[in-house]
């Protein structure tokens, strides 16, 4: 797994300290990649420290006041990739479609991501600011 460019940001360190040992019914794995967490042998992968995305036509969904872009071009096969919108540093979550409780997992993760300062927001359900 590739380290995010800003994985050493203080916000990422605080986020990783708060991540649960279990998510979506899967146990957290040990990983050596800074700013990253994995549950269930890769069924759920989180990377913190990405650059905030530019305005996008990808669908944007709000979960517990955290906006996530569904990165359709990177959501291939049985994986969905979501990236926070309007937060710096950005957080990416990759989920296997076989993961039960995806909604609950996103709610849990959104609560933990929420302290990362919001600097922008999506305009509509699928229109990020600036389009």
C-alpha atoms as a PDB file:
ATOM      1  CA  UNK A   1       0.000   0.000   0.000  1.00  0.00           C
ATOM      2  CA  UNK A   2       1.320   3.408  -0.958  1.00  0.00           C
ATOM      3  CA  UNK A   3       1.898   6.012   1.740  1.00  0.00           C
ATOM      4  CA  UNK A   4      -0.163   9.177   1.281  1.00  0.00           C
ATOM      5  CA  UNK A   5       1.923  12.325   0.586  1.00  0.00           C
ATOM      6  CA  UNK A   6       0.965  13.979   3.887  1.00  0.00           C
ATOM      7  CA  UNK A   7       0.609  10.865   6.044  1.00  0.00           C
ATOM      8  CA  UNK A   8       2.756  12.526   8.705  1.00  0.00           C
ATOM      9  CA  UNK A   9       0.248  15.368   9.228  1.00  0.00           C
ATOM     10  CA  UNK A  10      -0.753  15.794  12.903  1.00  0.00           C
ATOM     11  CA  UNK A  11      -4.417  15.336  11.936  1.00  0.00           C
ATOM     12  CA  UNK A  12      -3.580  11.870  10.596  1.00  0.00           C
ATOM     13  CA  UNK A  13      -1.741  10.890  13.772  1.00  0.00           C
ATOM     14  CA  UNK A  14      -4.767  11.932  15.851  1.00  0.00           C
ATOM     15  CA  UNK A  15      -7.138  10.060  13.529  1.00  0.00           C
ATOM     16  CA  UNK A  16      -5.123   6.837  13.635  1.00  0.00           C
ATOM     17  CA  UNK A  17      -5.001   6.941  17.438  1.00  0.00           C
ATOM     18  CA  UNK A  18      -8.815   6.947  17.538  1.00  0.00           C
ATOM     19  CA  UNK A  19      -9.488   4.213  14.962  1.00  0.00           C
ATOM     20  CA  UNK A  20     -11.334   1.149  16.277  1.00  0.00           C
ATOM     21  CA  UNK A  21      -9.893  -2.342  16.632  1.00  0.00           C
ATOM     22  CA  UNK A  22     -12.938  -3.656  14.765  1.00  0.00           C
ATOM     23  CA  UNK A  23     -14.812  -2.110  11.845  1.00  0.00           C
ATOM     24  CA  UNK A  24     -17.651  -3.644   9.813  1.00  0.00           C
ATOM     25  CA  UNK A  25     -17.159  -6.881  11.730  1.00  0.00           C
ATOM     26  CA  UNK A  26     -13.500  -7.137  10.750  1.00  0.00           C
ATOM     27  CA  UNK A  27     -10.456  -6.951  12.983  1.00  0.00           C
ATOM     28  CA  UNK A  28      -7.778  -4.322  12.504  1.00  0.00           C
ATOM     29  CA  UNK A  29      -4.537  -5.577  10.987  1.00  0.00           C
ATOM     30  CA  UNK A  30      -1.000  -4.410  11.699  1.00  0.00           C
ATOM     31  CA  UNK A  31       0.371  -2.281   8.853  1.00  0.00           C
ATOM     32  CA  UNK A  32       3.694  -0.531   8.427  1.00  0.00           C
ATOM     33  CA  UNK A  33       2.465   2.181   6.088  1.00  0.00           C
ATOM     34  CA  UNK A  34       2.382   5.531   7.883  1.00  0.00           C
ATOM     35  CA  UNK A  35      -1.060   7.134   7.992  1.00  0.00           C
ATOM     36  CA  UNK A  36      -2.870   3.919   7.045  1.00  0.00           C
ATOM     37  CA  UNK A  37      -5.110   1.321   8.669  1.00  0.00           C
ATOM     38  CA  UNK A  38      -6.493  -1.982   7.408  1.00  0.00           C
ATOM     39  CA  UNK A  39      -9.309  -4.179   8.661  1.00  0.00           C
ATOM     40  CA  UNK A  40     -10.136  -7.733   7.597  1.00  0.00           C
ATOM     41  CA  UNK A  41      -7.041  -8.522   5.507  1.00  0.00           C
ATOM     42  CA  UNK A  42      -7.698  -5.554   3.233  1.00  0.00           C
ATOM     43  CA  UNK A  43     -11.504  -5.584   3.091  1.00  0.00           C
ATOM     44  CA  UNK A  44     -11.414  -2.038   4.487  1.00  0.00           C
ATOM     45  CA  UNK A  45      -8.384   0.202   3.883  1.00  0.00           C
ATOM     46  CA  UNK A  46      -7.999   3.764   5.182  1.00  0.00           C
ATOM     47  CA  UNK A  47      -5.258   6.193   4.144  1.00  0.00           C
ATOM     48  CA  UNK A  48      -4.913   9.633   5.684  1.00  0.00           C
ATOM     49  CA  UNK A  49      -2.777  12.430   4.289  1.00  0.00           C
ATOM     50  CA  UNK A  50      -3.942  12.755   0.714  1.00  0.00           C
ATOM     51  CA  UNK A  51      -4.203  16.108  -0.975  1.00  0.00           C
ATOM     52  CA  UNK A  52      -7.739  17.501  -0.998  1.00  0.00           C
ATOM     53  CA  UNK A  53      -9.447  16.687  -4.292  1.00  0.00           C
ATOM     54  CA  UNK A  54     -10.257  19.436  -6.796  1.00  0.00           C
ATOM     55  CA  UNK A  55     -13.869  20.038  -7.828  1.00  0.00           C
ATOM     56  CA  UNK A  56     -15.239  16.830  -9.280  1.00  0.00           C
ATOM     57  CA  UNK A  57     -18.223  15.365 -11.076  1.00  0.00           C
ATOM     58  CA  UNK A  58     -18.011  12.228  -8.915  1.00  0.00           C
ATOM     59  CA  UNK A  59     -21.036  11.692  -6.656  1.00  0.00           C
ATOM     60  CA  UNK A  60     -20.753  13.316  -3.241  1.00  0.00           C
ATOM     61  CA  UNK A  61     -22.501  11.900  -0.189  1.00  0.00           C
ATOM     62  CA  UNK A  62     -22.681  13.370   3.303  1.00  0.00           C
ATOM     63  CA  UNK A  63     -22.328  10.993   6.246  1.00  0.00           C
ATOM     64  CA  UNK A  64     -22.558  12.508   9.735  1.00  0.00           C
ATOM     65  CA  UNK A  65     -21.577  15.947   8.358  1.00  0.00           C
ATOM     66  CA  UNK A  66     -18.533  14.562   6.512  1.00  0.00           C
ATOM     67  CA  UNK A  67     -18.701  14.700   2.727  1.00  0.00           C
ATOM     68  CA  UNK A  68     -17.245  11.823   0.708  1.00  0.00           C
ATOM     69  CA  UNK A  69     -16.651  11.628  -3.030  1.00  0.00           C
ATOM     70  CA  UNK A  70     -17.297   8.221  -4.566  1.00  0.00           C
ATOM     71  CA  UNK A  71     -14.308   7.956  -6.898  1.00  0.00           C
ATOM     72  CA  UNK A  72     -16.009   6.122  -9.728  1.00  0.00           C
ATOM     73  CA  UNK A  73     -12.888   5.779 -11.899  1.00  0.00           C
ATOM     74  CA  UNK A  74     -11.036   4.056  -9.037  1.00  0.00           C
ATOM     75  CA  UNK A  75     -14.019   1.994  -7.863  1.00  0.00           C
ATOM     76  CA  UNK A  76     -13.388  -1.050  -9.996  1.00  0.00           C
ATOM     77  CA  UNK A  77     -14.585  -4.621  -9.647  1.00  0.00           C
ATOM     78  CA  UNK A  78     -15.579  -5.405  -6.110  1.00  0.00           C
ATOM     79  CA  UNK A  79     -14.082  -2.265  -4.479  1.00  0.00           C
ATOM     80  CA  UNK A  80     -15.525   1.167  -3.802  1.00  0.00           C
ATOM     81  CA  UNK A  81     -13.149   4.047  -3.113  1.00  0.00           C
ATOM     82  CA  UNK A  82     -14.300   7.154  -1.249  1.00  0.00           C
ATOM     83  CA  UNK A  83     -12.349  10.325  -0.487  1.00  0.00           C
ATOM     84  CA  UNK A  84     -13.284  13.099   1.912  1.00  0.00           C
ATOM     85  CA  UNK A  85     -14.180  16.356   0.220  1.00  0.00           C
ATOM     86  CA  UNK A  86     -13.338  19.721   1.758  1.00  0.00           C
ATOM     87  CA  UNK A  87     -10.974  18.432   4.459  1.00  0.00           C
ATOM     88  CA  UNK A  88      -7.223  18.899   4.556  1.00  0.00           C
ATOM     89  CA  UNK A  89      -5.592  16.448   4.743  1.00  0.00           C
ATOM     90  CA  UNK A  90      -8.016  14.225   2.876  1.00  0.00           C
ATOM     91  CA  UNK A  91      -8.877  10.691   3.984  1.00  0.00           C
ATOM     92  CA  UNK A  92      -9.438   7.825   1.551  1.00  0.00           C
ATOM     93  CA  UNK A  93     -11.413   4.679   2.358  1.00  0.00           C
ATOM     94  CA  UNK A  94     -11.473   1.634   0.109  1.00  0.00           C
ATOM     95  CA  UNK A  95     -14.150  -0.973   0.816  1.00  0.00           C
ATOM     96  CA  UNK A  96     -14.696  -4.423  -0.601  1.00  0.00           C
ATOM     97  CA  UNK A  97     -18.300  -4.895  -1.734  1.00  0.00           C
ATOM     98  CA  UNK A  98     -18.364  -8.058   0.368  1.00  0.00           C
ATOM     99  CA  UNK A  99     -18.178  -5.946   3.526  1.00  0.00           C
ATOM    100  CA  UNK A 100     -21.439  -6.120   5.439  1.00  0.00           C
ATOM    101  CA  UNK A 101     -22.327  -2.973   7.316  1.00  0.00           C
ATOM    102  CA  UNK A 102     -20.707  -0.513   4.904  1.00  0.00           C
ATOM    103  CA  UNK A 103     -23.112   2.208   6.035  1.00  0.00           C
ATOM    104  CA  UNK A 104     -22.269   1.649   9.700  1.00  0.00           C
ATOM    105  CA  UNK A 105     -18.547   1.617   8.875  1.00  0.00           C
ATOM    106  CA  UNK A 106     -18.822   4.965   7.058  1.00  0.00           C
ATOM    107  CA  UNK A 107     -20.780   6.448   9.953  1.00  0.00           C
ATOM    108  CA  UNK A 108     -18.114   5.287  12.408  1.00  0.00           C
ATOM    109  CA  UNK A 109     -15.281   6.579  10.227  1.00  0.00           C
ATOM    110  CA  UNK A 110     -17.057   9.878   9.554  1.00  0.00           C
ATOM    111  CA  UNK A 111     -17.330  10.577  13.275  1.00  0.00           C
ATOM    112  CA  UNK A 112     -13.580  10.037  13.576  1.00  0.00           C
ATOM    113  CA  UNK A 113     -12.733  12.124  10.481  1.00  0.00           C
ATOM    114  CA  UNK A 114     -15.023  14.992  11.502  1.00  0.00           C
ATOM    115  CA  UNK A 115     -12.382  16.757  13.693  1.00  0.00           C
ATOM    116  CA  UNK A 116     -10.221  17.324  10.592  1.00  0.00           C
ATOM    117  CA  UNK A 117     -11.030  20.923   9.718  1.00  0.00           C
ATOM    118  CA  UNK A 118     -13.552  21.360   6.920  1.00  0.00           C
ATOM    119  CA  UNK A 119     -12.435  23.911   4.324  1.00  0.00           C
ATOM    120  CA  UNK A 120     -14.957  23.313   1.569  1.00  0.00           C
ATOM    121  CA  UNK A 121     -18.151  21.471   0.848  1.00  0.00           C
ATOM    122  CA  UNK A 122     -20.116  19.830  -1.900  1.00  0.00           C
ATOM    123  CA  UNK A 123     -22.810  22.035  -3.395  1.00  0.00           C
ATOM    124  CA  UNK A 124     -25.329  19.302  -4.110  1.00  0.00           C
ATOM    125  CA  UNK A 125     -25.554  15.552  -3.883  1.00  0.00           C
ATOM    126  CA  UNK A 126     -23.187  15.114  -6.784  1.00  0.00           C
ATOM    127  CA  UNK A 127     -21.780  18.603  -7.386  1.00  0.00           C
ATOM    128  CA  UNK A 128     -18.737  19.673  -5.362  1.00  0.00           C
ATOM    129  CA  UNK A 129     -18.162  23.388  -4.883  1.00  0.00           C
ATOM    130  CA  UNK A 130     -16.508  25.160  -7.782  1.00  0.00           C
ATOM    131  CA  UNK A 131     -18.251  23.438 -10.690  1.00  0.00           C
END
